[in-house]
N, C-alpha and C. Protein backbone atom coordinates (compact mmCIF):
# COMPACT_ATOMS: atom_id res chain seq x y z
N MET A 1 108.62 83.75 106.49
CA MET A 1 107.28 83.34 106.88
C MET A 1 107.19 81.82 107.07
N GLU A 2 107.94 81.10 106.26
CA GLU A 2 107.94 79.64 106.42
C GLU A 2 108.50 79.26 107.79
N THR A 3 109.52 79.98 108.23
CA THR A 3 110.07 79.71 109.56
C THR A 3 109.02 79.97 110.63
N ARG A 4 108.25 81.02 110.49
CA ARG A 4 107.19 81.31 111.45
C ARG A 4 106.15 80.18 111.48
N ILE A 5 105.84 79.64 110.32
CA ILE A 5 104.90 78.52 110.27
C ILE A 5 105.48 77.31 110.99
N ARG A 6 106.75 77.01 110.70
CA ARG A 6 107.38 75.86 111.38
C ARG A 6 107.38 76.05 112.88
N LEU A 7 107.70 77.25 113.34
CA LEU A 7 107.71 77.51 114.78
C LEU A 7 106.31 77.41 115.38
N ALA A 8 105.31 77.88 114.65
CA ALA A 8 103.93 77.76 115.13
C ALA A 8 103.56 76.29 115.30
N LEU A 9 103.96 75.45 114.35
CA LEU A 9 103.69 74.01 114.46
C LEU A 9 104.40 73.43 115.67
N LEU A 10 105.67 73.77 115.83
CA LEU A 10 106.46 73.25 116.95
C LEU A 10 105.88 73.71 118.29
N PHE A 11 105.62 75.01 118.42
CA PHE A 11 105.08 75.54 119.67
C PHE A 11 103.66 75.05 119.91
N GLY A 12 102.99 74.63 118.85
CA GLY A 12 101.64 74.07 118.97
C GLY A 12 101.64 72.59 119.28
N GLY A 13 102.82 72.01 119.50
CA GLY A 13 102.91 70.61 119.91
C GLY A 13 103.04 69.60 118.80
N LEU A 14 103.23 70.07 117.57
CA LEU A 14 103.40 69.13 116.45
C LEU A 14 104.88 68.97 116.13
N PRO A 15 105.25 67.86 115.53
CA PRO A 15 106.65 67.70 115.13
C PRO A 15 106.99 68.65 113.99
N LEU A 16 108.25 68.97 113.88
CA LEU A 16 108.69 69.82 112.77
C LEU A 16 108.47 69.08 111.46
N PRO A 17 107.95 69.76 110.46
CA PRO A 17 107.75 69.12 109.16
C PRO A 17 109.05 69.06 108.37
N VAL A 18 109.05 68.23 107.35
CA VAL A 18 110.15 68.19 106.39
C VAL A 18 110.04 69.45 105.55
N VAL A 19 111.16 70.11 105.31
CA VAL A 19 111.12 71.34 104.50
C VAL A 19 111.54 71.05 103.06
N GLN A 20 110.95 71.80 102.15
CA GLN A 20 111.23 71.70 100.71
C GLN A 20 111.16 70.25 100.23
N HIS A 21 110.05 69.61 100.56
CA HIS A 21 109.86 68.19 100.23
C HIS A 21 109.52 68.04 98.74
N PRO A 22 110.32 67.26 98.00
CA PRO A 22 110.05 67.10 96.57
C PRO A 22 108.88 66.16 96.29
N VAL A 23 108.03 66.59 95.37
CA VAL A 23 106.94 65.75 94.85
C VAL A 23 106.95 65.97 93.35
N GLY A 24 107.50 65.01 92.63
CA GLY A 24 107.63 65.16 91.18
C GLY A 24 108.45 66.41 90.86
N PRO A 25 107.96 67.26 89.97
CA PRO A 25 108.72 68.45 89.59
C PRO A 25 108.57 69.60 90.58
N TYR A 26 107.81 69.39 91.65
CA TYR A 26 107.51 70.46 92.61
C TYR A 26 108.19 70.20 93.96
N ARG A 27 108.23 71.25 94.76
CA ARG A 27 108.69 71.15 96.14
C ARG A 27 107.64 71.80 97.03
N LEU A 28 107.20 71.06 98.03
CA LEU A 28 106.30 71.63 99.02
C LEU A 28 107.13 72.42 100.02
N ASP A 29 106.63 73.57 100.45
CA ASP A 29 107.35 74.36 101.45
C ASP A 29 107.66 73.50 102.66
N MET A 30 106.65 72.79 103.14
CA MET A 30 106.79 71.89 104.29
C MET A 30 105.86 70.71 104.08
N ALA A 31 106.18 69.59 104.72
CA ALA A 31 105.32 68.42 104.55
C ALA A 31 105.48 67.45 105.71
N TYR A 32 104.41 66.71 105.92
CA TYR A 32 104.43 65.50 106.75
C TYR A 32 104.22 64.36 105.75
N PRO A 33 105.31 63.88 105.14
CA PRO A 33 105.18 62.93 104.03
C PRO A 33 104.44 61.64 104.36
N ALA A 34 104.56 61.14 105.56
CA ALA A 34 103.92 59.87 105.90
C ALA A 34 102.40 59.94 105.80
N LEU A 35 101.85 61.14 105.97
CA LEU A 35 100.40 61.32 105.85
C LEU A 35 100.00 62.07 104.58
N CYS A 36 100.97 62.39 103.74
CA CYS A 36 100.72 63.17 102.52
C CYS A 36 100.00 64.47 102.84
N ILE A 37 100.55 65.19 103.82
CA ILE A 37 100.05 66.51 104.20
C ILE A 37 101.12 67.52 103.82
N GLY A 38 100.73 68.50 103.01
CA GLY A 38 101.63 69.58 102.64
C GLY A 38 101.22 70.86 103.33
N ILE A 39 102.19 71.74 103.57
CA ILE A 39 101.93 73.03 104.21
C ILE A 39 102.67 74.08 103.39
N GLU A 40 101.91 75.06 102.91
CA GLU A 40 102.47 76.07 102.03
C GLU A 40 102.22 77.47 102.59
N TYR A 41 103.17 78.36 102.36
CA TYR A 41 102.95 79.77 102.61
C TYR A 41 102.65 80.40 101.26
N ASP A 42 101.50 81.03 101.16
CA ASP A 42 101.11 81.70 99.92
C ASP A 42 101.23 83.20 100.12
N GLY A 43 102.33 83.75 99.64
CA GLY A 43 102.58 85.18 99.74
C GLY A 43 101.84 85.95 98.66
N ARG A 44 102.11 87.22 98.61
CA ARG A 44 101.44 88.14 97.69
C ARG A 44 101.55 87.70 96.24
N GLU A 45 102.68 87.07 95.87
CA GLU A 45 102.87 86.67 94.47
C GLU A 45 101.85 85.64 94.00
N HIS A 46 101.18 84.97 94.94
CA HIS A 46 100.18 83.97 94.58
C HIS A 46 98.85 84.61 94.16
N LEU A 47 98.76 85.93 94.25
CA LEU A 47 97.52 86.63 93.93
C LEU A 47 97.40 87.01 92.46
N THR A 48 98.48 86.84 91.70
CA THR A 48 98.39 87.18 90.28
C THR A 48 97.66 86.07 89.53
N GLN A 49 97.02 86.44 88.42
CA GLN A 49 96.28 85.46 87.65
C GLN A 49 97.20 84.37 87.10
N GLU A 50 98.36 84.77 86.61
CA GLU A 50 99.32 83.80 86.07
C GLU A 50 99.75 82.80 87.14
N ARG A 51 100.08 83.31 88.32
CA ARG A 51 100.51 82.41 89.41
C ARG A 51 99.37 81.53 89.87
N ALA A 52 98.17 82.08 89.92
CA ALA A 52 97.01 81.28 90.32
C ALA A 52 96.80 80.10 89.37
N MET A 53 97.00 80.32 88.08
CA MET A 53 96.86 79.23 87.11
C MET A 53 97.94 78.18 87.31
N ARG A 54 99.17 78.60 87.57
CA ARG A 54 100.25 77.63 87.85
C ARG A 54 99.95 76.86 89.14
N ASP A 55 99.42 77.57 90.14
CA ASP A 55 99.08 76.91 91.40
C ASP A 55 98.00 75.85 91.20
N LEU A 56 97.04 76.12 90.32
CA LEU A 56 96.00 75.12 90.03
C LEU A 56 96.60 73.87 89.39
N ASP A 57 97.50 74.06 88.44
CA ASP A 57 98.18 72.92 87.81
C ASP A 57 98.97 72.13 88.84
N ARG A 58 99.66 72.85 89.70
CA ARG A 58 100.46 72.22 90.76
C ARG A 58 99.57 71.43 91.71
N GLN A 59 98.44 72.02 92.10
CA GLN A 59 97.52 71.33 93.00
C GLN A 59 96.98 70.06 92.35
N ALA A 60 96.65 70.13 91.07
CA ALA A 60 96.15 68.94 90.36
C ALA A 60 97.21 67.84 90.37
N TYR A 61 98.46 68.21 90.15
CA TYR A 61 99.54 67.23 90.17
C TYR A 61 99.66 66.59 91.56
N LEU A 62 99.66 67.42 92.60
CA LEU A 62 99.79 66.91 93.97
C LEU A 62 98.64 65.97 94.32
N THR A 63 97.44 66.35 93.93
CA THR A 63 96.28 65.49 94.21
C THR A 63 96.42 64.15 93.49
N ALA A 64 96.81 64.19 92.22
CA ALA A 64 96.99 62.95 91.45
C ALA A 64 98.10 62.09 92.04
N ALA A 65 99.08 62.73 92.68
CA ALA A 65 100.19 62.00 93.29
C ALA A 65 99.84 61.46 94.68
N GLY A 66 98.60 61.68 95.13
CA GLY A 66 98.15 61.10 96.39
C GLY A 66 98.26 61.99 97.61
N TRP A 67 98.58 63.25 97.42
CA TRP A 67 98.66 64.16 98.57
C TRP A 67 97.24 64.51 98.99
N ARG A 68 96.89 64.11 100.21
CA ARG A 68 95.52 64.20 100.69
C ARG A 68 95.11 65.60 101.09
N LYS A 69 96.05 66.40 101.61
CA LYS A 69 95.69 67.73 102.10
C LYS A 69 96.88 68.66 101.93
N ILE A 70 96.62 69.84 101.37
CA ILE A 70 97.62 70.89 101.28
C ILE A 70 97.06 72.10 102.02
N PHE A 71 97.68 72.43 103.14
CA PHE A 71 97.29 73.63 103.88
C PHE A 71 97.99 74.82 103.24
N ARG A 72 97.25 75.92 103.10
CA ARG A 72 97.81 77.14 102.54
C ARG A 72 97.55 78.27 103.53
N PHE A 73 98.62 78.89 103.97
CA PHE A 73 98.49 79.98 104.93
C PHE A 73 99.01 81.27 104.32
N ARG A 74 98.32 82.35 104.61
CA ARG A 74 98.71 83.67 104.12
C ARG A 74 99.24 84.49 105.29
N ALA A 75 99.78 85.65 104.97
CA ALA A 75 100.44 86.49 105.96
C ALA A 75 99.52 86.85 107.13
N GLY A 76 98.27 87.14 106.85
CA GLY A 76 97.35 87.52 107.92
C GLY A 76 97.23 86.46 109.00
N THR A 77 97.22 85.21 108.58
CA THR A 77 97.16 84.11 109.55
C THR A 77 98.50 83.92 110.24
N VAL A 78 99.57 83.89 109.45
CA VAL A 78 100.90 83.65 110.02
C VAL A 78 101.26 84.71 111.05
N LEU A 79 100.97 85.97 110.74
CA LEU A 79 101.35 87.06 111.64
C LEU A 79 100.29 87.36 112.69
N GLY A 80 99.02 87.25 112.33
CA GLY A 80 97.96 87.66 113.24
C GLY A 80 97.32 86.55 114.06
N HIS A 81 97.36 85.33 113.54
CA HIS A 81 96.69 84.22 114.22
C HIS A 81 97.53 82.94 114.12
N PRO A 82 98.77 82.98 114.57
CA PRO A 82 99.63 81.80 114.37
C PRO A 82 99.14 80.54 115.06
N THR A 83 98.35 80.67 116.12
CA THR A 83 97.85 79.46 116.79
C THR A 83 96.84 78.72 115.93
N ALA A 84 96.29 79.39 114.92
CA ALA A 84 95.36 78.72 114.00
C ALA A 84 96.07 77.68 113.15
N ILE A 85 97.37 77.84 112.96
CA ILE A 85 98.13 76.93 112.09
C ILE A 85 98.20 75.53 112.69
N PRO A 86 98.75 75.36 113.91
CA PRO A 86 98.78 74.00 114.45
C PRO A 86 97.38 73.46 114.74
N SER A 87 96.45 74.34 115.07
CA SER A 87 95.08 73.88 115.33
C SER A 87 94.48 73.23 114.09
N ALA A 88 94.66 73.86 112.94
CA ALA A 88 94.12 73.33 111.69
C ALA A 88 94.78 72.00 111.34
N VAL A 89 96.10 71.95 111.45
CA VAL A 89 96.82 70.72 111.10
C VAL A 89 96.44 69.60 112.07
N ARG A 90 96.40 69.90 113.37
CA ARG A 90 96.04 68.89 114.36
C ARG A 90 94.63 68.36 114.11
N ALA A 91 93.69 69.24 113.81
CA ALA A 91 92.32 68.81 113.55
C ALA A 91 92.27 67.85 112.36
N TYR A 92 93.04 68.13 111.34
CA TYR A 92 93.06 67.24 110.18
C TYR A 92 93.67 65.89 110.55
N VAL A 93 94.79 65.91 111.28
CA VAL A 93 95.45 64.67 111.70
C VAL A 93 94.50 63.84 112.57
N GLU A 94 93.80 64.49 113.48
CA GLU A 94 92.86 63.76 114.33
C GLU A 94 91.72 63.18 113.51
N GLY A 95 91.24 63.92 112.51
CA GLY A 95 90.21 63.38 111.63
C GLY A 95 90.70 62.20 110.83
N GLU A 96 91.94 62.29 110.37
CA GLU A 96 92.54 61.17 109.62
C GLU A 96 92.67 59.94 110.53
N ALA A 97 93.03 60.16 111.78
CA ALA A 97 93.12 59.04 112.73
C ALA A 97 91.76 58.39 112.93
N ARG A 98 90.72 59.22 113.10
CA ARG A 98 89.36 58.66 113.26
C ARG A 98 88.98 57.86 112.02
N ARG A 99 89.29 58.41 110.84
CA ARG A 99 88.95 57.71 109.59
C ARG A 99 89.62 56.34 109.53
N ARG A 100 90.86 56.28 110.05
CA ARG A 100 91.61 55.02 110.02
C ARG A 100 91.30 54.14 111.23
N GLY A 101 90.58 54.69 112.22
CA GLY A 101 90.24 53.92 113.41
C GLY A 101 91.41 53.71 114.36
N VAL A 102 92.30 54.70 114.42
CA VAL A 102 93.48 54.58 115.30
C VAL A 102 93.61 55.86 116.13
N SER A 103 94.48 55.80 117.10
CA SER A 103 94.77 56.97 117.92
C SER A 103 95.65 57.92 117.11
N PRO A 104 95.42 59.25 117.24
CA PRO A 104 96.29 60.19 116.53
C PRO A 104 97.77 60.01 116.88
N ALA A 105 98.06 59.58 118.09
CA ALA A 105 99.43 59.39 118.51
C ALA A 105 100.13 58.27 117.75
N THR A 106 99.36 57.36 117.16
CA THR A 106 99.96 56.24 116.44
C THR A 106 100.20 56.54 114.96
N LEU A 107 99.67 57.66 114.48
CA LEU A 107 99.88 57.99 113.06
C LEU A 107 101.31 58.45 112.83
N PRO A 108 101.93 57.94 111.79
CA PRO A 108 103.31 58.33 111.49
C PRO A 108 103.32 59.69 110.77
N ILE A 109 103.39 60.77 111.53
CA ILE A 109 103.31 62.10 110.91
C ILE A 109 104.53 62.37 110.06
N THR A 110 105.70 62.04 110.55
CA THR A 110 106.91 62.26 109.77
C THR A 110 107.44 60.93 109.26
N ALA A 111 108.23 61.00 108.21
CA ALA A 111 108.81 59.79 107.64
C ALA A 111 109.83 59.21 108.60
N ALA A 112 109.95 57.92 108.59
CA ALA A 112 110.90 57.24 109.49
C ALA A 112 112.32 57.45 109.06
């Protein structure tokens, strides 16, 4: 499913994200580190109460570490609406560019 997300981003005109990007004790499935944007696939195992509690701790850590946005996609989106993936990420990047007062094309999406 992570490969499908990466392909959706690529086919949607975005650069390929860094995979398994480390942030402290965690690894993001995919990331655009220069903008602190994470992209995660949340499969069925994320629906258990125990996993949900671990995910909350993980999210708190990522937020404290400065990660501005973590996108979470489930199977229904990945399989049924893959074009929603790059659309959501692009909309966030464009909003971030407006916030910074620059063109989206000038934002360093991937690390140099």
